Amino acid sequence: MDTNQVGSPVTVKIGKRGTIVIPAKLRRKFALDEGSLVILEEQPEGLLVRPAVSVPLEIYTDERKAEFLLGNAVDAADYQRARREVEKMGLEPDAIVHDKPAGA
């Protein structure tokens, strides 16, 4: 079976609270399990339903950003630049847990 081939239309009934039951064959094909996210997009022909991808987003604190700056310095000069950047952020570089590069 060609997985790129679009199948025949399927008719489903809208249930209570607007629920739509997606047939098992299509749920398996598109890896849709209970709790999966989908995107509903309005199109001229009607509604397009497609799987959604959700990725966690980490929002970094200034302290975490400072840790990255200091910990990723590759040499003494780079480390001094990182220290200045951290100080511009209003933080004390020595108060941030990090490993110094060799020679810094």
C-alpha atoms as a PDB file:
ATOM      1  CA  MET A   1       0.000   0.000   0.000  1.00  0.00           C
ATOM      2  CA  ASP A   2       1.348   3.426  -0.970  1.00  0.00           C
ATOM      3  CA  THR A   3       1.399   5.512   2.232  1.00  0.00           C
ATOM      4  CA  ASN A   4       1.596   8.747   0.217  1.00  0.00           C
ATOM      5  CA  GLN A   5      -1.699   8.034  -1.523  1.00  0.00           C
ATOM      6  CA  VAL A   6      -4.685   9.966  -0.214  1.00  0.00           C
ATOM      7  CA  GLY A   7      -7.547   7.696   0.848  1.00  0.00           C
ATOM      8  CA  SER A   8     -11.232   7.990   0.153  1.00  0.00           C
ATOM      9  CA  PRO A   9     -13.303  10.511   2.110  1.00  0.00           C
ATOM     10  CA  VAL A  10     -14.836   9.235   5.348  1.00  0.00           C
ATOM     11  CA  THR A  11     -18.127  10.450   6.775  1.00  0.00           C
ATOM     12  CA  VAL A  12     -18.365  10.777  10.551  1.00  0.00           C
ATOM     13  CA  LYS A  13     -21.051  12.135  12.863  1.00  0.00           C
ATOM     14  CA  ILE A  14     -20.513  15.076  15.182  1.00  0.00           C
ATOM     15  CA  GLY A  15     -21.319  14.056  18.759  1.00  0.00           C
ATOM     16  CA  LYS A  16     -22.024  15.885  21.977  1.00  0.00           C
ATOM     17  CA  ARG A  17     -19.965  19.007  22.534  1.00  0.00           C
ATOM     18  CA  GLY A  18     -18.738  18.892  18.918  1.00  0.00           C
ATOM     19  CA  THR A  19     -16.728  15.689  19.245  1.00  0.00           C
ATOM     20  CA  ILE A  20     -15.720  13.854  16.105  1.00  0.00           C
ATOM     21  CA  VAL A  21     -14.639  10.218  16.207  1.00  0.00           C
ATOM     22  CA  ILE A  22     -11.738   9.561  13.858  1.00  0.00           C
ATOM     23  CA  PRO A  23     -11.871   5.972  12.584  1.00  0.00           C
ATOM     24  CA  ALA A  24      -9.237   3.640  14.083  1.00  0.00           C
ATOM     25  CA  LYS A  25      -7.541   3.006  10.724  1.00  0.00           C
ATOM     26  CA  LEU A  26      -6.878   6.736  10.290  1.00  0.00           C
ATOM     27  CA  ARG A  27      -5.831   7.177  13.940  1.00  0.00           C
ATOM     28  CA  ARG A  28      -3.233   4.426  13.469  1.00  0.00           C
ATOM     29  CA  LYS A  29      -2.068   5.820  10.132  1.00  0.00           C
ATOM     30  CA  PHE A  30      -1.471   9.276  11.611  1.00  0.00           C
ATOM     31  CA  ALA A  31      -0.359   8.112  15.095  1.00  0.00           C
ATOM     32  CA  LEU A  32      -3.262   9.829  16.830  1.00  0.00           C
ATOM     33  CA  ASP A  33      -3.867   8.586  20.355  1.00  0.00           C
ATOM     34  CA  GLU A  34      -6.145   9.885  23.081  1.00  0.00           C
ATOM     35  CA  GLY A  35      -4.822  13.304  24.068  1.00  0.00           C
ATOM     36  CA  SER A  36      -3.004  13.890  20.756  1.00  0.00           C
ATOM     37  CA  LEU A  37      -3.074  17.436  19.466  1.00  0.00           C
ATOM     38  CA  VAL A  38      -4.542  18.297  16.077  1.00  0.00           C
ATOM     39  CA  ILE A  39      -4.761  21.529  14.158  1.00  0.00           C
ATOM     40  CA  LEU A  40      -8.100  22.635  12.719  1.00  0.00           C
ATOM     41  CA  GLU A  41      -7.616  24.975   9.802  1.00  0.00           C
ATOM     42  CA  GLU A  42     -10.382  26.750   7.959  1.00  0.00           C
ATOM     43  CA  GLN A  43     -10.121  26.207   4.194  1.00  0.00           C
ATOM     44  CA  PRO A  44     -12.396  27.376   1.368  1.00  0.00           C
ATOM     45  CA  GLU A  45     -13.624  23.761   1.034  1.00  0.00           C
ATOM     46  CA  GLY A  46     -14.238  23.285   4.779  1.00  0.00           C
ATOM     47  CA  LEU A  47     -12.108  22.234   7.744  1.00  0.00           C
ATOM     48  CA  LEU A  48      -8.691  20.652   7.440  1.00  0.00           C
ATOM     49  CA  VAL A  49      -7.699  18.464  10.405  1.00  0.00           C
ATOM     50  CA  ARG A  50      -4.027  17.590  10.690  1.00  0.00           C
ATOM     51  CA  PRO A  51      -1.717  16.255  13.400  1.00  0.00           C
ATOM     52  CA  ALA A  52       0.084  18.870  15.476  1.00  0.00           C
ATOM     53  CA  VAL A  53       3.538  18.667  16.970  1.00  0.00           C
ATOM     54  CA  SER A  54       4.124  20.136  20.395  1.00  0.00           C
ATOM     55  CA  VAL A  55       7.620  20.668  21.715  1.00  0.00           C
ATOM     56  CA  PRO A  56       8.442  21.840  25.204  1.00  0.00           C
ATOM     57  CA  LEU A  57       9.779  25.343  25.407  1.00  0.00           C
ATOM     58  CA  GLU A  58      12.262  26.314  28.066  1.00  0.00           C
ATOM     59  CA  ILE A  59      12.368  29.960  29.034  1.00  0.00           C
ATOM     60  CA  TYR A  60      15.778  30.742  30.437  1.00  0.00           C
ATOM     61  CA  THR A  61      16.307  32.935  33.467  1.00  0.00           C
ATOM     62  CA  ASP A  62      19.099  35.500  33.387  1.00  0.00           C
ATOM     63  CA  GLU A  63      21.057  33.245  35.745  1.00  0.00           C
ATOM     64  CA  ARG A  64      20.733  30.313  33.324  1.00  0.00           C
ATOM     65  CA  LYS A  65      21.805  32.534  30.397  1.00  0.00           C
ATOM     66  CA  ALA A  66      24.804  33.651  32.442  1.00  0.00           C
ATOM     67  CA  GLU A  67      25.659  30.020  33.160  1.00  0.00           C
ATOM     68  CA  PHE A  68      25.638  29.301  29.413  1.00  0.00           C
ATOM     69  CA  LEU A  69      27.805  32.334  28.636  1.00  0.00           C
ATOM     70  CA  LEU A  70      30.397  31.534  31.278  1.00  0.00           C
ATOM     71  CA  GLY A  71      30.388  27.761  30.877  1.00  0.00           C
ATOM     72  CA  ASN A  72      30.740  27.843  27.100  1.00  0.00           C
ATOM     73  CA  ALA A  73      33.769  30.153  26.997  1.00  0.00           C
ATOM     74  CA  VAL A  74      36.594  28.425  25.124  1.00  0.00           C
ATOM     75  CA  ASP A  75      39.627  30.398  26.275  1.00  0.00           C
ATOM     76  CA  ALA A  76      40.662  33.146  28.716  1.00  0.00           C
ATOM     77  CA  ALA A  77      39.759  36.010  26.359  1.00  0.00           C
ATOM     78  CA  ASP A  78      36.359  34.490  25.602  1.00  0.00           C
ATOM     79  CA  TYR A  79      35.802  33.974  29.323  1.00  0.00           C
ATOM     80  CA  GLN A  80      36.553  37.643  30.061  1.00  0.00           C
ATOM     81  CA  ARG A  81      34.045  38.685  27.367  1.00  0.00           C
ATOM     82  CA  ALA A  82      31.466  36.369  28.942  1.00  0.00           C
ATOM     83  CA  ARG A  83      32.122  37.884  32.382  1.00  0.00           C
ATOM     84  CA  ARG A  84      31.536  41.389  30.987  1.00  0.00           C
ATOM     85  CA  GLU A  85      28.264  40.251  29.371  1.00  0.00           C
ATOM     86  CA  VAL A  86      27.108  38.707  32.649  1.00  0.00           C
ATOM     87  CA  GLU A  87      27.970  41.914  34.507  1.00  0.00           C
ATOM     88  CA  LYS A  88      25.942  43.900  31.920  1.00  0.00           C
ATOM     89  CA  MET A  89      23.016  41.652  32.882  1.00  0.00           C
ATOM     90  CA  GLY A  90      23.378  42.929  36.440  1.00  0.00           C
ATOM     91  CA  LEU A  91      24.745  39.639  37.763  1.00  0.00           C
ATOM     92  CA  GLU A  92      27.951  38.789  39.590  1.00  0.00           C
ATOM     93  CA  PRO A  93      29.868  36.212  37.472  1.00  0.00           C
ATOM     94  CA  ASP A  94      31.478  34.601  40.536  1.00  0.00           C
ATOM     95  CA  ALA A  95      28.010  33.892  41.973  1.00  0.00           C
ATOM     96  CA  ILE A  96      27.095  31.769  38.920  1.00  0.00           C
ATOM     97  CA  VAL A  97      27.994  28.086  39.127  1.00  0.00           C
ATOM     98  CA  HIS A  98      30.150  27.268  36.094  1.00  0.00           C
ATOM     99  CA  ASP A  99      33.419  25.711  34.974  1.00  0.00           C
ATOM    100  CA  LYS A 100      36.163  28.088  33.854  1.00  0.00           C
ATOM    101  CA  PRO A 101      38.144  27.285  30.718  1.00  0.00           C
ATOM    102  CA  ALA A 102      41.789  26.307  31.131  1.00  0.00           C
ATOM    103  CA  GLY A 103      43.996  29.345  31.681  1.00  0.00           C
ATOM    104  CA  ALA A 104      41.159  31.633  32.797  1.00  0.00           C
END
